[in-house]
Each structure stands twice: as structure tokens, then as C-alpha cells.
C-alpha atoms as a PDB file:
ATOM      1  CA  MET A   1       9.379  17.351  -4.874  1.00  0.00           C
ATOM      2  CA  LEU A   2       5.714  17.324  -5.901  1.00  0.00           C
ATOM      3  CA  PRO A   3       4.766  20.550  -7.390  1.00  0.00           C
ATOM      4  CA  ALA A   4       1.730  22.482  -6.425  1.00  0.00           C
ATOM      5  CA  ILE A   5      -0.815  21.828  -8.916  1.00  0.00           C
ATOM      6  CA  ALA A   6      -2.748  24.951 -10.041  1.00  0.00           C
ATOM      7  CA  ASN A   7      -4.831  22.698 -12.442  1.00  0.00           C
ATOM      8  CA  ALA A   8      -5.067  19.635 -10.802  1.00  0.00           C
ATOM      9  CA  GLN A   9      -7.543  16.969 -12.182  1.00  0.00           C
ATOM     10  CA  GLN A  10     -10.251  15.959 -10.042  1.00  0.00           C
ATOM     11  CA  SER A  11     -10.178  12.711  -8.564  1.00  0.00           C
ATOM     12  CA  SER A  12     -12.391  10.034  -9.890  1.00  0.00           C
ATOM     13  CA  PRO A  13     -14.490   7.179  -8.194  1.00  0.00           C
ATOM     14  CA  GLN A  14     -11.676   4.964  -9.859  1.00  0.00           C
ATOM     15  CA  SER A  15      -8.846   6.774  -8.196  1.00  0.00           C
ATOM     16  CA  ASP A  16     -10.857   7.221  -4.800  1.00  0.00           C
ATOM     17  CA  ARG A  17     -11.413   3.487  -4.682  1.00  0.00           C
ATOM     18  CA  LEU A  18      -7.689   2.899  -5.431  1.00  0.00           C
ATOM     19  CA  PHE A  19      -6.570   5.172  -2.723  1.00  0.00           C
ATOM     20  CA  SER A  20      -9.025   4.032  -0.239  1.00  0.00           C
ATOM     21  CA  LEU A  21      -7.443   0.464  -0.589  1.00  0.00           C
ATOM     22  CA  VAL A  22      -3.987   1.529  -0.297  1.00  0.00           C
ATOM     23  CA  SER A  23      -4.936   3.609   2.871  1.00  0.00           C
ATOM     24  CA  LYS A  24      -6.767   0.515   4.073  1.00  0.00           C
ATOM     25  CA  ARG A  25      -3.427  -1.599   3.717  1.00  0.00           C
ATOM     26  CA  LEU A  26      -1.643   1.011   5.662  1.00  0.00           C
ATOM     27  CA  GLN A  27      -4.004   1.219   8.406  1.00  0.00           C
ATOM     28  CA  VAL A  28      -4.003  -2.616   8.860  1.00  0.00           C
ATOM     29  CA  MET A  29      -0.145  -2.247   9.598  1.00  0.00           C
ATOM     30  CA  LYS A  30      -0.680  -1.229  13.392  1.00  0.00           C
ATOM     31  CA  ASN A  31      -2.270  -4.599  13.817  1.00  0.00           C
ATOM     32  CA  PHE A  32       0.698  -6.682  12.133  1.00  0.00           C
ATOM     33  CA  ALA A  33       2.909  -4.632  14.489  1.00  0.00           C
ATOM     34  CA  ALA A  34       0.699  -5.537  17.257  1.00  0.00           C
ATOM     35  CA  PHE A  35       0.841  -9.352  16.725  1.00  0.00           C
ATOM     36  CA  LYS A  36       4.332  -9.338  15.717  1.00  0.00           C
ATOM     37  CA  ALA A  37       5.378  -7.518  18.718  1.00  0.00           C
ATOM     38  CA  LEU A  38       3.543  -9.538  21.201  1.00  0.00           C
ATOM     39  CA  HIS A  39       4.421 -12.675  19.491  1.00  0.00           C
ATOM     40  CA  HIS A  40       8.273 -11.571  19.433  1.00  0.00           C
ATOM     41  CA  MET A  41       8.353 -11.541  15.823  1.00  0.00           C
ATOM     42  CA  PRO A  42      10.522  -9.389  13.756  1.00  0.00           C
ATOM     43  CA  VAL A  43       8.646  -6.746  11.301  1.00  0.00           C
ATOM     44  CA  GLU A  44      10.871  -7.867   8.332  1.00  0.00           C
ATOM     45  CA  ASP A  45       9.790 -11.268   6.672  1.00  0.00           C
ATOM     46  CA  LEU A  46      11.869 -11.476   3.256  1.00  0.00           C
ATOM     47  CA  GLN A  47       9.973 -14.750   2.513  1.00  0.00           C
ATOM     48  CA  ARG A  48       6.353 -13.366   2.594  1.00  0.00           C
ATOM     49  CA  GLU A  49       7.896 -10.448   0.650  1.00  0.00           C
ATOM     50  CA  LYS A  50       9.070 -13.014  -1.900  1.00  0.00           C
ATOM     51  CA  LEU A  51       5.469 -14.488  -1.856  1.00  0.00           C
ATOM     52  CA  GLU A  52       3.925 -11.502  -2.066  1.00  0.00           C
ATOM     53  CA  LEU A  53       5.947 -10.298  -4.938  1.00  0.00           C
ATOM     54  CA  ALA A  54       5.371 -13.906  -6.947  1.00  0.00           C
ATOM     55  CA  ALA A  55       1.436 -13.285  -6.389  1.00  0.00           C
ATOM     56  CA  THR A  56       1.629  -9.923  -7.833  1.00  0.00           C
ATOM     57  CA  ALA A  57       3.351 -10.971 -10.883  1.00  0.00           C
ATOM     58  CA  GLU A  58       0.618 -13.652 -11.541  1.00  0.00           C
ATOM     59  CA  LEU A  59      -2.288 -11.190 -10.588  1.00  0.00           C
ATOM     60  CA  SER A  60      -0.822  -8.669 -12.593  1.00  0.00           C
ATOM     61  CA  ALA A  61      -1.346 -10.684 -15.750  1.00  0.00           C
ATOM     62  CA  ARG A  62      -4.771 -11.243 -14.856  1.00  0.00           C
ATOM     63  CA  TYR A  63      -5.630  -7.426 -14.529  1.00  0.00           C
ATOM     64  CA  LYS A  64      -3.478  -6.562 -17.432  1.00  0.00           C
ATOM     65  CA  VAL A  65      -1.106  -4.661 -15.194  1.00  0.00           C
ATOM     66  CA  ASP A  66       2.608  -4.456 -16.253  1.00  0.00           C
ATOM     67  CA  PRO A  67       3.938  -6.737 -13.792  1.00  0.00           C
ATOM     68  CA  ALA A  68       7.336  -4.858 -13.307  1.00  0.00           C
ATOM     69  CA  SER A  69       5.826  -1.598 -12.217  1.00  0.00           C
ATOM     70  CA  ALA A  70       3.140  -3.633 -10.386  1.00  0.00           C
ATOM     71  CA  GLN A  71       5.780  -5.380  -8.276  1.00  0.00           C
ATOM     72  CA  ASP A  72       7.700  -2.046  -7.855  1.00  0.00           C
ATOM     73  CA  PHE A  73       4.408  -0.576  -6.679  1.00  0.00           C
ATOM     74  CA  LEU A  74       3.981  -3.528  -3.981  1.00  0.00           C
ATOM     75  CA  LEU A  75       7.603  -2.966  -2.914  1.00  0.00           C
ATOM     76  CA  ALA A  76       6.738   0.771  -2.305  1.00  0.00           C
ATOM     77  CA  GLN A  77       3.654  -0.469  -0.266  1.00  0.00           C
ATOM     78  CA  VAL A  78       5.831  -3.003   1.742  1.00  0.00           C
ATOM     79  CA  ALA A  79       8.423  -0.443   2.647  1.00  0.00           C
ATOM     80  CA  ALA A  80       5.861   1.895   3.769  1.00  0.00           C
ATOM     81  CA  ALA A  81       4.297  -0.879   5.737  1.00  0.00           C
ATOM     82  CA  LYS A  82       7.576  -1.860   7.351  1.00  0.00           C
ATOM     83  CA  ALA A  83       8.501   1.933   8.390  1.00  0.00           C
ATOM     84  CA  ILE A  84       4.645   1.959   9.839  1.00  0.00           C
ATOM     85  CA  GLN A  85       5.117  -1.239  11.760  1.00  0.00           C
ATOM     86  CA  TYR A  86       8.878  -0.065  13.319  1.00  0.00           C
ATOM     87  CA  ARG A  87       7.130   3.193  14.222  1.00  0.00           C
ATOM     88  CA  TRP A  88       4.376   1.490  16.158  1.00  0.00           C
ATOM     89  CA  ARG A  89       6.816  -0.957  17.864  1.00  0.00           C
ATOM     90  CA  ALA A  90       8.759   2.320  18.753  1.00  0.00           C
ATOM     91  CA  TYR A  91       5.827   4.070  20.420  1.00  0.00           C
ATOM     92  CA  TRP A  92       4.864   0.935  22.316  1.00  0.00           C
ATOM     93  CA  GLN A  93       8.399   0.524  24.035  1.00  0.00           C
ATOM     94  CA  THR A  94       7.133   3.578  26.421  1.00  0.00           C
ATOM     95  CA  GLY A  95       3.389   1.879  26.878  1.00  0.00           C
ATOM     96  CA  ASN A  96       1.707  -1.223  26.369  1.00  0.00           C
ATOM     97  CA  ILE A  97      -0.384  -2.136  23.495  1.00  0.00           C
ATOM     98  CA  ASP A  98      -3.809  -1.810  24.499  1.00  0.00           C
ATOM     99  CA  PHE A  99      -6.014  -3.972  22.364  1.00  0.00           C
ATOM    100  CA  THR A 100      -5.389  -7.487  20.838  1.00  0.00           C
ATOM    101  CA  PRO A 101      -4.898  -7.581  17.465  1.00  0.00           C
ATOM    102  CA  PRO A 102      -6.238 -10.239  14.892  1.00  0.00           C
ATOM    103  CA  ASP A 103      -4.331 -13.576  14.216  1.00  0.00           C
ATOM    104  CA  LEU A 104      -1.737 -12.913  11.827  1.00  0.00           C
ATOM    105  CA  TYR A 105      -2.265 -16.383   9.996  1.00  0.00           C
ATOM    106  CA  ILE A 106      -5.843 -16.950  10.127  1.00  0.00           C
ATOM    107  CA  LYS A 107      -6.879 -13.037   9.461  1.00  0.00           C
ATOM    108  CA  LEU A 108      -4.150 -10.467   8.784  1.00  0.00           C
ATOM    109  CA  ARG A 109      -2.244 -12.353   6.100  1.00  0.00           C
ATOM    110  CA  PRO A 110      -5.271 -13.958   4.291  1.00  0.00           C
ATOM    111  CA  ASP A 111      -7.034 -10.224   4.413  1.00  0.00           C
ATOM    112  CA  LEU A 112      -3.697  -8.720   3.051  1.00  0.00           C
ATOM    113  CA  MET A 113      -3.465 -10.895   0.064  1.00  0.00           C
ATOM    114  CA  ARG A 114      -7.087 -10.046  -0.852  1.00  0.00           C
ATOM    115  CA  LEU A 115      -6.296  -6.385  -0.429  1.00  0.00           C
ATOM    116  CA  ASN A 116      -3.473  -6.685  -2.660  1.00  0.00           C
ATOM    117  CA  GLU A 117      -5.774  -8.388  -5.426  1.00  0.00           C
ATOM    118  CA  SER A 118      -8.252  -5.701  -5.000  1.00  0.00           C
ATOM    119  CA  ILE A 119      -5.472  -2.800  -5.378  1.00  0.00           C
ATOM    120  CA  LEU A 120      -4.463  -4.393  -8.556  1.00  0.00           C
ATOM    121  CA  GLU A 121      -7.770  -4.629  -9.674  1.00  0.00           C
ATOM    122  CA  ALA A 122      -8.714  -0.866  -8.834  1.00  0.00           C
ATOM    123  CA  LEU A 123      -5.254  -0.056 -10.491  1.00  0.00           C
ATOM    124  CA  HIS A 124      -6.411  -1.645 -13.883  1.00  0.00           C
ATOM    125  CA  GLN A 125      -9.554   0.269 -13.906  1.00  0.00           C
ATOM    126  CA  LEU A 126      -7.893   3.382 -13.157  1.00  0.00           C
ATOM    127  CA  LEU A 127      -5.334   3.010 -15.902  1.00  0.00           C
ATOM    128  CA  GLU A 128      -8.288   2.098 -18.344  1.00  0.00           C
ATOM    129  CA  VAL A 129     -10.258   4.833 -17.540  1.00  0.00           C
ATOM    130  CA  ARG A 130      -7.637   7.530 -16.952  1.00  0.00           C
ATOM    131  CA  GLY A 131      -4.401   6.765 -17.879  1.00  0.00           C
ATOM    132  CA  PRO A 132      -1.191   6.705 -15.622  1.00  0.00           C
ATOM    133  CA  VAL A 133      -1.627   8.364 -12.404  1.00  0.00           C
ATOM    134  CA  ASP A 134       0.272  11.909 -12.425  1.00  0.00           C
ATOM    135  CA  ASP A 135       0.805  14.675  -9.724  1.00  0.00           C
ATOM    136  CA  GLY A 136      -2.850  15.918 -10.428  1.00  0.00           C
ATOM    137  CA  LEU A 137      -3.974  13.182  -8.101  1.00  0.00           C
ATOM    138  CA  TRP A 138      -1.534  13.892  -5.527  1.00  0.00           C
ATOM    139  CA  PRO A 139      -3.808  16.151  -3.220  1.00  0.00           C
ATOM    140  CA  SER A 140      -6.333  13.389  -3.109  1.00  0.00           C
ATOM    141  CA  PHE A 141      -3.739  10.430  -2.684  1.00  0.00           C
ATOM    142  CA  GLU A 142      -2.255  12.434   0.287  1.00  0.00           C
ATOM    143  CA  LYS A 143      -5.409  12.966   2.180  1.00  0.00           C
ATOM    144  CA  ALA A 144      -6.657   9.446   1.551  1.00  0.00           C
ATOM    145  CA  THR A 145      -3.258   7.746   2.827  1.00  0.00           C
ATOM    146  CA  LYS A 146      -2.740  10.141   5.989  1.00  0.00           C
ATOM    147  CA  VAL A 147      -2.591   7.401   8.476  1.00  0.00           C
ATOM    148  CA  PRO A 148      -0.922   7.166  11.602  1.00  0.00           C
ATOM    149  CA  MET A 149       2.976   6.467  11.665  1.00  0.00           C
ATOM    150  CA  LEU A 150       3.270   7.262   8.016  1.00  0.00           C
ATOM    151  CA  THR A 151       5.138  10.556   7.159  1.00  0.00           C
ATOM    152  CA  LEU A 152       4.700  12.927   4.297  1.00  0.00           C
ATOM    153  CA  LYS A 153       8.229  11.392   2.694  1.00  0.00           C
ATOM    154  CA  ASP A 154       6.810   7.965   2.813  1.00  0.00           C
ATOM    155  CA  GLN A 155       3.568   8.957   1.251  1.00  0.00           C
ATOM    156  CA  LYS A 156       5.650  10.771  -1.472  1.00  0.00           C
ATOM    157  CA  GLN A 157       7.362   7.643  -2.096  1.00  0.00           C
ATOM    158  CA  LEU A 158       4.489   5.670  -2.458  1.00  0.00           C
ATOM    159  CA  PHE A 159       2.750   8.094  -4.543  1.00  0.00           C
ATOM    160  CA  ASN A 160       6.011   8.013  -6.983  1.00  0.00           C
ATOM    161  CA  ALA A 161       6.128   4.542  -7.303  1.00  0.00           C
ATOM    162  CA  LEU A 162       2.413   4.560  -8.127  1.00  0.00           C
ATOM    163  CA  LYS A 163       2.763   7.089 -10.926  1.00  0.00           C
ATOM    164  CA  GLU A 164       5.377   4.540 -12.777  1.00  0.00           C
ATOM    165  CA  VAL A 165       2.334   1.626 -12.709  1.00  0.00           C
ATOM    166  CA  ARG A 166       1.194   0.915 -16.494  1.00  0.00           C
ATOM    167  CA  LEU A 167      -1.016  -1.557 -18.021  1.00  0.00           C
ATOM    168  CA  SER A 168       0.468  -4.535 -19.700  1.00  0.00           C
ATOM    169  CA  THR A 169       1.572  -4.199 -23.553  1.00  0.00           C
ATOM    170  CA  HIS A 170       0.731  -7.943 -23.867  1.00  0.00           C
END
């Protein structure tokens, strides 16, 4: 449980950018869910997760972010993404998907990979300027990542993983 912060440190341009990118990643999961539902594809794709983890390990070296903590944060984002997708699919069982999502292969996945890289770059910038994320940034994170189908518990798990991300010592 996150304590109430009386002397919360204010957000910064770096934290605002990072939280905005994380929010964007969460929001696009509605499109992933719709495409997969319309094409009778499962939400979970372990092969894609392995590819994302490998890319994160490679990119974390470029951005001087500790690979293990970056991968743990990615896994938390993937868990939140799957939760969002499952909830959208459950919601659509009572009605139709009322929009046409972008193509998974041409648009969604390439955009997601670019978002993942932007998140790592923003993480590096935030950690360089501010140091590790702490509970003082929770109010800003909570507000920025309020997206449909994401619970407060999901947000807290994601934030807790973010707090563990560090710059690389190499």
C-alpha cells in the first residue's frame, strides 16, 4: 500500500513524459484487444513477450538502464496490457466492437516497439535528472495512467515495478 504523501515531490518534465508514454502504451491495448478478438487470436503471445524482453535488454544497454530492472518493468507493463485486453474482450462479449482497429502487424506492433524504446529513453532521462522513482511521484503516475480497464491495483503494481528501475552500473 502506498502511503499518503504529505511532502510529495512535484513531477517534472521528465516524469510527465515517461508517465505519458506509459499511459499511451496502456491505452493502445484496446486496439490490440479488438484486433485479436476480431481475428480469433489469444491475448497472450509468449513468443512476442520473449522478443520484447530481448529488445528491452538490448535497448537498455543503449540507454544505460539496468537490464534486469528494465525487463521487470516491461513484464509489469505486459501484465497490465494483458489485463486490459482481457477486460475489453469480456466487455465486448455483451456487445459488438464498434470500431475497426489498426492492423496488428503493420501498425500496432511496430508502434509498440517504438513506444517501448521511447519509454526506456524517458526512463534514462528521468533517472539521470531525478534518481529512482519514489512514492512522491505516485499522484502524478496515478493520474497519468488512469485508463479504461486498468484497475488501481494494476496501477500500483506497475508503479512498484517502476520504482525498482535503476541506471546501469556498467
